[in-house]
Amino acid sequence: NNNNNNNKKKRRRKKIGVGLFPEVSRSYNHSCEPNAVFENVRLRLRVRLIKDVASGEEITISYLNDDEKGEKRQHRRELLKKQYNFDCECAKCEREK
């Protein structure tokens, strides 16, 4: 009977995607068209390339979610300014001027 209670508790728990990784987060700059993403694998944060990267090219991640990345330049820049206090000058934003 105790096992049944434990199983019910496990099923009710929600997984959430929150973590603090200050060393890692300072290591990667933002791009609206990033070449890498963060992945959480067994409680370890990994960086996975999603595009080919040339030698010496900066590895970037997006601070925006997938929906936000699809927004128009002005909206993306407003979101980034409000939440992270910087003006995005990534290649995508520069092309869309």
C-alpha atoms as a PDB file:
ATOM      1  CA  ASN A   1       0.000   0.000   0.000  1.00  0.00           C
ATOM      2  CA  ASN A   2       2.906   2.347   0.722  1.00  0.00           C
ATOM      3  CA  ASN A   3       4.235   1.716  -2.811  1.00  0.00           C
ATOM      4  CA  ASN A   4       0.879   2.799  -4.271  1.00  0.00           C
ATOM      5  CA  ASN A   5       1.069   6.111  -2.374  1.00  0.00           C
ATOM      6  CA  ASN A   6       4.622   6.736  -3.632  1.00  0.00           C
ATOM      7  CA  ASN A   7       3.606   5.972  -7.218  1.00  0.00           C
ATOM      8  CA  LYS A   8       0.651   8.392  -6.983  1.00  0.00           C
ATOM      9  CA  LYS A   9       2.946  11.135  -5.647  1.00  0.00           C
ATOM     10  CA  LYS A  10       5.419  10.584  -8.478  1.00  0.00           C
ATOM     11  CA  ARG A  11       2.677  10.846 -11.105  1.00  0.00           C
ATOM     12  CA  ARG A  12       1.417  14.136  -9.657  1.00  0.00           C
ATOM     13  CA  ARG A  13       4.824  15.820  -9.705  1.00  0.00           C
ATOM     14  CA  LYS A  14       5.326  18.240 -12.532  1.00  0.00           C
ATOM     15  CA  LYS A  15       8.660  18.633 -14.224  1.00  0.00           C
ATOM     16  CA  ILE A  16       9.644  22.233 -14.740  1.00  0.00           C
ATOM     17  CA  GLY A  17      12.472  23.697 -16.783  1.00  0.00           C
ATOM     18  CA  VAL A  18      14.208  25.956 -14.313  1.00  0.00           C
ATOM     19  CA  GLY A  19      17.866  25.984 -13.444  1.00  0.00           C
ATOM     20  CA  LEU A  20      20.645  28.350 -12.532  1.00  0.00           C
ATOM     21  CA  PHE A  21      23.840  27.951 -14.499  1.00  0.00           C
ATOM     22  CA  PRO A  22      25.630  31.316 -14.139  1.00  0.00           C
ATOM     23  CA  GLU A  23      29.011  30.153 -15.466  1.00  0.00           C
ATOM     24  CA  VAL A  24      27.503  28.635 -18.598  1.00  0.00           C
ATOM     25  CA  SER A  25      25.024  31.405 -19.310  1.00  0.00           C
ATOM     26  CA  ARG A  26      27.767  34.041 -19.308  1.00  0.00           C
ATOM     27  CA  SER A  27      29.754  32.052 -21.850  1.00  0.00           C
ATOM     28  CA  TYR A  28      27.326  32.336 -24.779  1.00  0.00           C
ATOM     29  CA  ASN A  29      25.960  35.397 -26.506  1.00  0.00           C
ATOM     30  CA  HIS A  30      22.492  35.715 -27.988  1.00  0.00           C
ATOM     31  CA  SER A  31      21.518  35.443 -31.638  1.00  0.00           C
ATOM     32  CA  CYS A  32      18.020  35.443 -33.139  1.00  0.00           C
ATOM     33  CA  GLU A  33      19.289  32.634 -35.388  1.00  0.00           C
ATOM     34  CA  PRO A  34      21.558  30.679 -33.019  1.00  0.00           C
ATOM     35  CA  ASN A  35      23.918  27.879 -33.977  1.00  0.00           C
ATOM     36  CA  ALA A  36      23.550  26.061 -30.641  1.00  0.00           C
ATOM     37  CA  VAL A  37      20.987  25.180 -27.970  1.00  0.00           C
ATOM     38  CA  PHE A  38      21.155  24.218 -24.317  1.00  0.00           C
ATOM     39  CA  GLU A  39      20.015  20.719 -23.380  1.00  0.00           C
ATOM     40  CA  ASN A  40      19.446  19.325 -19.925  1.00  0.00           C
ATOM     41  CA  VAL A  41      20.719  15.742 -19.872  1.00  0.00           C
ATOM     42  CA  ARG A  42      20.452  13.939 -16.549  1.00  0.00           C
ATOM     43  CA  LEU A  43      20.708  17.191 -14.585  1.00  0.00           C
ATOM     44  CA  ARG A  44      23.730  18.343 -16.600  1.00  0.00           C
ATOM     45  CA  LEU A  45      23.538  21.287 -18.935  1.00  0.00           C
ATOM     46  CA  ARG A  46      25.006  20.627 -22.382  1.00  0.00           C
ATOM     47  CA  VAL A  47      25.443  22.788 -25.436  1.00  0.00           C
ATOM     48  CA  ARG A  48      24.512  21.128 -28.743  1.00  0.00           C
ATOM     49  CA  LEU A  49      25.326  22.629 -32.111  1.00  0.00           C
ATOM     50  CA  ILE A  50      22.329  22.865 -34.444  1.00  0.00           C
ATOM     51  CA  LYS A  51      24.255  24.314 -37.412  1.00  0.00           C
ATOM     52  CA  ASP A  52      27.711  23.877 -38.834  1.00  0.00           C
ATOM     53  CA  VAL A  53      30.220  26.193 -37.181  1.00  0.00           C
ATOM     54  CA  ALA A  54      33.413  27.333 -38.868  1.00  0.00           C
ATOM     55  CA  SER A  55      36.686  27.389 -36.987  1.00  0.00           C
ATOM     56  CA  GLY A  56      36.823  30.617 -34.980  1.00  0.00           C
ATOM     57  CA  GLU A  57      33.098  31.336 -35.407  1.00  0.00           C
ATOM     58  CA  GLU A  58      31.251  32.363 -32.255  1.00  0.00           C
ATOM     59  CA  ILE A  59      28.875  29.802 -30.768  1.00  0.00           C
ATOM     60  CA  THR A  60      25.573  31.517 -29.968  1.00  0.00           C
ATOM     61  CA  ILE A  61      22.295  30.583 -28.311  1.00  0.00           C
ATOM     62  CA  SER A  62      18.961  32.362 -28.385  1.00  0.00           C
ATOM     63  CA  TYR A  63      17.596  34.014 -25.277  1.00  0.00           C
ATOM     64  CA  LEU A  64      14.173  33.876 -26.955  1.00  0.00           C
ATOM     65  CA  ASN A  65      11.821  30.912 -27.177  1.00  0.00           C
ATOM     66  CA  ASP A  66      10.924  29.418 -30.565  1.00  0.00           C
ATOM     67  CA  ASP A  67       7.769  31.514 -30.963  1.00  0.00           C
ATOM     68  CA  GLU A  68       9.576  34.732 -30.070  1.00  0.00           C
ATOM     69  CA  LYS A  69      12.391  33.976 -32.544  1.00  0.00           C
ATOM     70  CA  GLY A  70       9.768  33.972 -35.302  1.00  0.00           C
ATOM     71  CA  GLU A  71       8.536  37.469 -34.463  1.00  0.00           C
ATOM     72  CA  LYS A  72       9.462  40.581 -36.444  1.00  0.00           C
ATOM     73  CA  ARG A  73      12.734  42.332 -35.657  1.00  0.00           C
ATOM     74  CA  GLN A  74      11.180  45.200 -33.700  1.00  0.00           C
ATOM     75  CA  HIS A  75       9.244  42.863 -31.404  1.00  0.00           C
ATOM     76  CA  ARG A  76      12.262  40.606 -30.781  1.00  0.00           C
ATOM     77  CA  ARG A  77      14.400  43.612 -29.935  1.00  0.00           C
ATOM     78  CA  GLU A  78      11.729  44.978 -27.554  1.00  0.00           C
ATOM     79  CA  LEU A  79      11.565  41.645 -25.734  1.00  0.00           C
ATOM     80  CA  LEU A  80      15.345  41.438 -25.407  1.00  0.00           C
ATOM     81  CA  LYS A  81      15.637  45.051 -24.257  1.00  0.00           C
ATOM     82  CA  LYS A  82      12.910  44.594 -21.648  1.00  0.00           C
ATOM     83  CA  GLN A  83      14.146  41.292 -20.246  1.00  0.00           C
ATOM     84  CA  TYR A  84      17.926  41.433 -20.785  1.00  0.00           C
ATOM     85  CA  ASN A  85      18.579  45.169 -21.229  1.00  0.00           C
ATOM     86  CA  PHE A  86      20.469  45.082 -24.527  1.00  0.00           C
ATOM     87  CA  ASP A  87      19.872  46.061 -28.129  1.00  0.00           C
ATOM     88  CA  CYS A  88      20.218  43.020 -30.344  1.00  0.00           C
ATOM     89  CA  GLU A  89      22.642  43.477 -33.224  1.00  0.00           C
ATOM     90  CA  CYS A  90      22.843  39.858 -34.356  1.00  0.00           C
ATOM     91  CA  ALA A  91      23.185  39.025 -38.061  1.00  0.00           C
ATOM     92  CA  LYS A  92      19.461  38.373 -38.434  1.00  0.00           C
ATOM     93  CA  CYS A  93      18.491  41.722 -36.885  1.00  0.00           C
ATOM     94  CA  GLU A  94      21.066  43.527 -39.009  1.00  0.00           C
ATOM     95  CA  ARG A  95      19.718  41.898 -42.212  1.00  0.00           C
ATOM     96  CA  GLU A  96      16.140  42.852 -41.309  1.00  0.00           C
ATOM     97  CA  LYS A  97      16.876  46.560 -40.774  1.00  0.00           C
END
